[in-house]
Amino acid sequence: MTKRYPPEVREKAVRLVLERLDEFESAYAAARATEDPPSSQPPTVINVTTHNS
């Protein structure tokens, strides 16, 4: 079963990653830097940013 996040949470996560995109070499790195708390799993937000850009 996958976790579903409310749209406002997803939008905030995407916005935070896109705001930091110019600081990193990839969307993946920006997503990892934006995670709170950092996890060992690939960031979920990367899927959203790459499919919505």
PDB file of N, CA and C in Angstrom:
ATOM      1  N   MET A   1       0.846  -1.184   0.000  1.00  0.00           N
ATOM      2  CA  MET A   1       0.000   0.000   0.000  1.00  0.00           C
ATOM      3  C   MET A   1       0.889   1.245   0.000  1.00  0.00           C
ATOM      4  N   THR A   2       0.646   2.141  -0.916  1.00  0.00           N
ATOM      5  CA  THR A   2       1.456   3.353  -1.003  1.00  0.00           C
ATOM      6  C   THR A   2       0.871   4.436  -0.116  1.00  0.00           C
ATOM      7  N   LYS A   3       1.744   5.290   0.382  1.00  0.00           N
ATOM      8  CA  LYS A   3       1.294   6.428   1.176  1.00  0.00           C
ATOM      9  C   LYS A   3       0.766   7.489   0.228  1.00  0.00           C
ATOM     10  N   ARG A   4      -0.305   8.102   0.618  1.00  0.00           N
ATOM     11  CA  ARG A   4      -0.846   9.222  -0.145  1.00  0.00           C
ATOM     12  C   ARG A   4      -0.722  10.477   0.697  1.00  0.00           C
ATOM     13  N   TYR A   5      -0.158  11.510   0.122  1.00  0.00           N
ATOM     14  CA  TYR A   5       0.001  12.766   0.824  1.00  0.00           C
ATOM     15  C   TYR A   5      -1.038  13.751   0.314  1.00  0.00           C
ATOM     16  N   PRO A   6      -1.526  14.621   1.185  1.00  0.00           N
ATOM     17  CA  PRO A   6      -2.477  15.642   0.734  1.00  0.00           C
ATOM     18  C   PRO A   6      -1.833  16.524  -0.337  1.00  0.00           C
ATOM     19  N   PRO A   7      -2.627  17.040  -1.255  1.00  0.00           N
ATOM     20  CA  PRO A   7      -2.080  17.869  -2.346  1.00  0.00           C
ATOM     21  C   PRO A   7      -1.227  19.032  -1.853  1.00  0.00           C
ATOM     22  N   GLU A   8      -1.609  19.672  -0.764  1.00  0.00           N
ATOM     23  CA  GLU A   8      -0.841  20.821  -0.272  1.00  0.00           C
ATOM     24  C   GLU A   8       0.546  20.406   0.214  1.00  0.00           C
ATOM     25  N   VAL A   9       0.671  19.209   0.756  1.00  0.00           N
ATOM     26  CA  VAL A   9       1.973  18.717   1.195  1.00  0.00           C
ATOM     27  C   VAL A   9       2.846  18.420  -0.021  1.00  0.00           C
ATOM     28  N   ARG A  10       2.268  17.781  -1.019  1.00  0.00           N
ATOM     29  CA  ARG A  10       3.013  17.488  -2.253  1.00  0.00           C
ATOM     30  C   ARG A  10       3.459  18.768  -2.937  1.00  0.00           C
ATOM     31  N   GLU A  11       2.554  19.754  -3.018  1.00  0.00           N
ATOM     32  CA  GLU A  11       2.889  21.027  -3.665  1.00  0.00           C
ATOM     33  C   GLU A  11       4.030  21.730  -2.938  1.00  0.00           C
ATOM     34  N   LYS A  12       4.005  21.709  -1.605  1.00  0.00           N
ATOM     35  CA  LYS A  12       5.067  22.349  -0.836  1.00  0.00           C
ATOM     36  C   LYS A  12       6.394  21.640  -1.075  1.00  0.00           C
ATOM     37  N   ALA A  13       6.377  20.315  -1.082  1.00  0.00           N
ATOM     38  CA  ALA A  13       7.607  19.556  -1.302  1.00  0.00           C
ATOM     39  C   ALA A  13       8.201  19.850  -2.671  1.00  0.00           C
ATOM     40  N   VAL A  14       7.355  19.886  -3.672  1.00  0.00           N
ATOM     41  CA  VAL A  14       7.824  20.182  -5.035  1.00  0.00           C
ATOM     42  C   VAL A  14       8.385  21.596  -5.099  1.00  0.00           C
ATOM     43  N   ARG A  15       7.690  22.542  -4.491  1.00  0.00           N
ATOM     44  CA  ARG A  15       8.143  23.934  -4.500  1.00  0.00           C
ATOM     45  C   ARG A  15       9.508  24.062  -3.821  1.00  0.00           C
ATOM     46  N   LEU A  16       9.680  23.391  -2.680  1.00  0.00           N
ATOM     47  CA  LEU A  16      10.955  23.456  -1.966  1.00  0.00           C
ATOM     48  C   LEU A  16      12.100  22.900  -2.808  1.00  0.00           C
ATOM     49  N   VAL A  17      11.856  21.804  -3.499  1.00  0.00           N
ATOM     50  CA  VAL A  17      12.902  21.216  -4.342  1.00  0.00           C
ATOM     51  C   VAL A  17      13.204  22.130  -5.522  1.00  0.00           C
ATOM     52  N   LEU A  18      12.179  22.628  -6.185  1.00  0.00           N
ATOM     53  CA  LEU A  18      12.404  23.493  -7.346  1.00  0.00           C
ATOM     54  C   LEU A  18      13.116  24.778  -6.972  1.00  0.00           C
ATOM     55  N   GLU A  19      12.855  25.302  -5.764  1.00  0.00           N
ATOM     56  CA  GLU A  19      13.537  26.511  -5.314  1.00  0.00           C
ATOM     57  C   GLU A  19      15.031  26.277  -5.117  1.00  0.00           C
ATOM     58  N   ARG A  20      15.422  25.048  -4.795  1.00  0.00           N
ATOM     59  CA  ARG A  20      16.826  24.732  -4.517  1.00  0.00           C
ATOM     60  C   ARG A  20      17.521  24.053  -5.687  1.00  0.00           C
ATOM     61  N   LEU A  21      16.826  23.884  -6.780  1.00  0.00           N
ATOM     62  CA  LEU A  21      17.361  23.141  -7.918  1.00  0.00           C
ATOM     63  C   LEU A  21      18.659  23.731  -8.454  1.00  0.00           C
ATOM     64  N   ASP A  22      18.780  25.051  -8.462  1.00  0.00           N
ATOM     65  CA  ASP A  22      19.994  25.674  -9.000  1.00  0.00           C
ATOM     66  C   ASP A  22      21.212  25.488  -8.091  1.00  0.00           C
ATOM     67  N   GLU A  23      21.009  25.036  -6.860  1.00  0.00           N
ATOM     68  CA  GLU A  23      22.114  24.802  -5.932  1.00  0.00           C
ATOM     69  C   GLU A  23      22.761  23.425  -6.126  1.00  0.00           C
ATOM     70  N   PHE A  24      22.098  22.546  -6.868  1.00  0.00           N
ATOM     71  CA  PHE A  24      22.547  21.164  -6.988  1.00  0.00           C
ATOM     72  C   PHE A  24      22.658  20.753  -8.448  1.00  0.00           C
ATOM     73  N   GLU A  25      23.359  19.661  -8.686  1.00  0.00           N
ATOM     74  CA  GLU A  25      23.560  19.185 -10.048  1.00  0.00           C
ATOM     75  C   GLU A  25      22.381  18.392 -10.586  1.00  0.00           C
ATOM     76  N   SER A  26      21.478  17.967  -9.702  1.00  0.00           N
ATOM     77  CA  SER A  26      20.337  17.174 -10.156  1.00  0.00           C
ATOM     78  C   SER A  26      19.132  17.410  -9.252  1.00  0.00           C
ATOM     79  N   ALA A  27      17.971  17.069  -9.772  1.00  0.00           N
ATOM     80  CA  ALA A  27      16.749  17.157  -8.973  1.00  0.00           C
ATOM     81  C   ALA A  27      16.816  16.173  -7.813  1.00  0.00           C
ATOM     82  N   TYR A  28      17.450  15.033  -8.049  1.00  0.00           N
ATOM     83  CA  TYR A  28      17.600  14.029  -7.000  1.00  0.00           C
ATOM     84  C   TYR A  28      18.393  14.604  -5.818  1.00  0.00           C
ATOM     85  N   ALA A  29      19.499  15.266  -6.102  1.00  0.00           N
ATOM     86  CA  ALA A  29      20.326  15.850  -5.038  1.00  0.00           C
ATOM     87  C   ALA A  29      19.562  16.946  -4.297  1.00  0.00           C
ATOM     88  N   ALA A  30      18.815  17.762  -5.014  1.00  0.00           N
ATOM     89  CA  ALA A  30      18.014  18.803  -4.374  1.00  0.00           C
ATOM     90  C   ALA A  30      16.942  18.194  -3.483  1.00  0.00           C
ATOM     91  N   ALA A  31      16.323  17.120  -3.943  1.00  0.00           N
ATOM     92  CA  ALA A  31      15.297  16.448  -3.149  1.00  0.00           C
ATOM     93  C   ALA A  31      15.899  15.841  -1.890  1.00  0.00           C
ATOM     94  N   ARG A  32      17.073  15.221  -2.029  1.00  0.00           N
ATOM     95  CA  ARG A  32      17.738  14.637  -0.860  1.00  0.00           C
ATOM     96  C   ARG A  32      18.086  15.718   0.158  1.00  0.00           C
ATOM     97  N   ALA A  33      18.518  16.876  -0.303  1.00  0.00           N
ATOM     98  CA  ALA A  33      18.894  17.968   0.594  1.00  0.00           C
ATOM     99  C   ALA A  33      17.676  18.590   1.265  1.00  0.00           C
ATOM    100  N   THR A  34      16.520  18.449   0.652  1.00  0.00           N
ATOM    101  CA  THR A  34      15.297  19.052   1.165  1.00  0.00           C
ATOM    102  C   THR A  34      14.587  18.146   2.165  1.00  0.00           C
ATOM    103  N   GLU A  35      14.931  16.864   2.186  1.00  0.00           N
ATOM    104  CA  GLU A  35      14.272  15.912   3.072  1.00  0.00           C
ATOM    105  C   GLU A  35      14.391  16.312   4.535  1.00  0.00           C
ATOM    106  N   ASP A  36      13.313  16.126   5.274  1.00  0.00           N
ATOM    107  CA  ASP A  36      13.328  16.356   6.714  1.00  0.00           C
ATOM    108  C   ASP A  36      12.427  15.338   7.372  1.00  0.00           C
ATOM    109  N   PRO A  37      12.949  14.402   8.080  1.00  0.00           N
ATOM    110  CA  PRO A  37      14.362  14.111   8.290  1.00  0.00           C
ATOM    111  C   PRO A  37      14.931  13.325   7.117  1.00  0.00           C
ATOM    112  N   PRO A  38      16.241  13.354   6.962  1.00  0.00           N
ATOM    113  CA  PRO A  38      16.861  12.568   5.881  1.00  0.00           C
ATOM    114  C   PRO A  38      16.576  11.078   6.057  1.00  0.00           C
ATOM    115  N   SER A  39      16.382  10.394   4.962  1.00  0.00           N
ATOM    116  CA  SER A  39      16.108   8.963   5.042  1.00  0.00           C
ATOM    117  C   SER A  39      17.061   8.201   4.138  1.00  0.00           C
ATOM    118  N   SER A  40      17.052   6.898   4.284  1.00  0.00           N
ATOM    119  CA  SER A  40      17.914   6.080   3.442  1.00  0.00           C
ATOM    120  C   SER A  40      17.197   5.678   2.156  1.00  0.00           C
ATOM    121  N   GLN A  41      15.911   5.974   2.055  1.00  0.00           N
ATOM    122  CA  GLN A  41      15.125   5.661   0.868  1.00  0.00           C
ATOM    123  C   GLN A  41      15.220   6.805  -0.141  1.00  0.00           C
ATOM    124  N   PRO A  42      15.126   6.507  -1.430  1.00  0.00           N
ATOM    125  CA  PRO A  42      15.103   7.588  -2.417  1.00  0.00           C
ATOM    126  C   PRO A  42      13.913   8.507  -2.151  1.00  0.00           C
ATOM    127  N   PRO A  43      14.084   9.795  -2.330  1.00  0.00           N
ATOM    128  CA  PRO A  43      13.010  10.729  -2.006  1.00  0.00           C
ATOM    129  C   PRO A  43      11.791  10.555  -2.908  1.00  0.00           C
ATOM    130  N   THR A  44      10.648  10.531  -2.293  1.00  0.00           N
ATOM    131  CA  THR A  44       9.393  10.422  -3.033  1.00  0.00           C
ATOM    132  C   THR A  44       9.169  11.659  -3.888  1.00  0.00           C
ATOM    133  N   VAL A  45       9.588  12.793  -3.372  1.00  0.00           N
ATOM    134  CA  VAL A  45       9.333  14.049  -4.079  1.00  0.00           C
ATOM    135  C   VAL A  45      10.018  14.081  -5.442  1.00  0.00           C
ATOM    136  N   ILE A  46      11.077  13.337  -5.627  1.00  0.00           N
ATOM    137  CA  ILE A  46      11.763  13.336  -6.917  1.00  0.00           C
ATOM    138  C   ILE A  46      10.835  12.813  -8.004  1.00  0.00           C
ATOM    139  N   ASN A  47      10.007  11.849  -7.681  1.00  0.00           N
ATOM    140  CA  ASN A  47       9.050  11.331  -8.647  1.00  0.00           C
ATOM    141  C   ASN A  47       8.063  12.409  -9.057  1.00  0.00           C
ATOM    142  N   VAL A  48       7.636  13.204  -8.110  1.00  0.00           N
ATOM    143  CA  VAL A  48       6.675  14.258  -8.393  1.00  0.00           C
ATOM    144  C   VAL A  48       7.317  15.359  -9.214  1.00  0.00           C
ATOM    145  N   THR A  49       8.542  15.773  -8.862  1.00  0.00           N
ATOM    146  CA  THR A  49       9.181  16.875  -9.582  1.00  0.00           C
ATOM    147  C   THR A  49       9.511  16.489 -11.017  1.00  0.00           C
ATOM    148  N   THR A  50       9.921  15.257 -11.247  1.00  0.00           N
ATOM    149  CA  THR A  50      10.284  14.867 -12.598  1.00  0.00           C
ATOM    150  C   THR A  50       9.068  14.635 -13.482  1.00  0.00           C
ATOM    151  N   HIS A  51       7.951  14.279 -12.895  1.00  0.00           N
ATOM    152  CA  HIS A  51       6.748  14.029 -13.687  1.00  0.00           C
ATOM    153  C   HIS A  51       5.896  15.277 -13.870  1.00  0.00           C
ATOM    154  N   ASN A  52       6.138  16.315 -13.058  1.00  0.00           N
ATOM    155  CA  ASN A  52       5.329  17.535 -13.144  1.00  0.00           C
ATOM    156  C   ASN A  52       6.073  18.698 -13.749  1.00  0.00           C
ATOM    157  N   SER A  53       7.300  18.514 -14.199  1.00  0.00           N
ATOM    158  CA  SER A  53       8.024  19.650 -14.766  1.00  0.00           C
ATOM    159  C   SER A  53       7.937  19.680 -16.265  1.00  0.00           C
TER     160      SER A  53
END
